[in-house]
Amino acid sequence: MSEFKSEPVGEIALGDRSTVKVSTFIGRDGRKRVDIRLFVAGERYSGPTRRGVSLPVEKLGDLMVLLQKAQ
């Protein structure tokens, strides 16, 4: 079994206790993927949450178009 290795890209602070972090990794299918995930820092739990998305890097252009439309 191969080891999961994430490469951080950057992050955006949403407040004192939450951050959106962007990273890349190689998925189980061998393709490069981008992960955009909410991280929290709290008394009971600190770390990544289920709130986020992971998509193939080839789909980033499509996501960027949608994000620009949302702006």
Protein backbone atom coordinates (compact mmCIF):
# COMPACT_ATOMS: atom_id res chain seq x y z
CA MET A 1 0.00 0.00 0.00
CA SER A 2 1.39 3.44 -0.90
CA GLU A 3 1.71 6.22 1.65
CA PHE A 4 -0.60 9.26 1.34
CA LYS A 5 1.43 12.46 0.96
CA SER A 6 -0.24 15.83 0.76
CA GLU A 7 1.54 18.90 -0.62
CA PRO A 8 0.18 22.17 0.87
CA VAL A 9 -0.64 24.94 -1.61
CA GLY A 10 -2.03 27.62 0.70
CA GLU A 11 -4.79 28.59 3.08
CA ILE A 12 -7.39 31.26 3.76
CA ALA A 13 -8.36 32.16 7.33
CA LEU A 14 -12.14 32.44 7.72
CA GLY A 15 -12.02 33.48 11.36
CA ASP A 16 -10.25 32.72 14.60
CA ARG A 17 -11.14 29.04 14.52
CA SER A 18 -11.59 28.02 10.89
CA THR A 19 -9.40 27.91 7.80
CA VAL A 20 -9.79 26.65 4.24
CA LYS A 21 -6.67 24.77 3.17
CA VAL A 22 -5.76 23.79 -0.38
CA SER A 23 -3.39 20.90 -1.05
CA THR A 24 -2.51 18.43 -3.79
CA PHE A 25 -1.98 14.69 -3.60
CA ILE A 26 -1.88 11.59 -5.77
CA GLY A 27 -5.22 9.76 -5.55
CA ARG A 28 -5.80 6.03 -5.39
CA ASP A 29 -6.30 6.07 -9.14
CA GLY A 30 -2.76 7.49 -9.62
CA ARG A 31 -4.01 10.90 -10.79
CA LYS A 32 -3.01 14.20 -9.23
CA ARG A 33 -5.88 15.68 -7.22
CA VAL A 34 -6.64 18.97 -5.48
CA ASP A 35 -8.22 18.99 -2.02
CA ILE A 36 -10.05 22.09 -0.75
CA ARG A 37 -11.04 21.47 2.86
CA LEU A 38 -12.30 23.28 5.95
CA PHE A 39 -10.07 22.94 9.03
CA VAL A 40 -11.21 23.90 12.53
CA ALA A 41 -9.45 24.60 15.81
CA GLY A 42 -11.58 23.97 18.86
CA GLU A 43 -11.50 22.66 22.40
CA ARG A 44 -12.88 19.23 21.51
CA TYR A 45 -11.40 18.79 18.02
CA SER A 46 -8.79 20.46 15.85
CA GLY A 47 -8.07 19.38 12.29
CA PRO A 48 -9.71 18.67 8.94
CA THR A 49 -13.47 18.31 8.59
CA ARG A 50 -15.66 16.44 6.13
CA ARG A 51 -16.57 19.78 4.60
CA GLY A 52 -14.54 20.00 1.46
CA VAL A 53 -14.00 18.66 -2.00
CA SER A 54 -11.35 16.65 -3.77
CA LEU A 55 -11.19 16.75 -7.55
CA PRO A 56 -8.80 15.79 -10.36
CA VAL A 57 -6.38 18.60 -11.19
CA GLU A 58 -7.70 18.51 -14.78
CA LYS A 59 -11.02 19.92 -13.49
CA LEU A 60 -9.45 23.01 -11.88
CA GLY A 61 -10.09 25.14 -14.96
CA ASP A 62 -13.80 24.30 -14.86
CA LEU A 63 -13.92 25.11 -11.13
CA MET A 64 -12.16 28.45 -11.69
CA VAL A 65 -14.75 29.43 -14.32
CA LEU A 66 -17.59 28.66 -11.90
CA LEU A 67 -15.91 30.55 -9.05
CA GLN A 68 -15.43 33.61 -11.26
CA LYS A 69 -19.13 33.50 -12.18
CA ALA A 70 -20.01 33.40 -8.47
CA GLN A 71 -17.98 36.54 -7.85
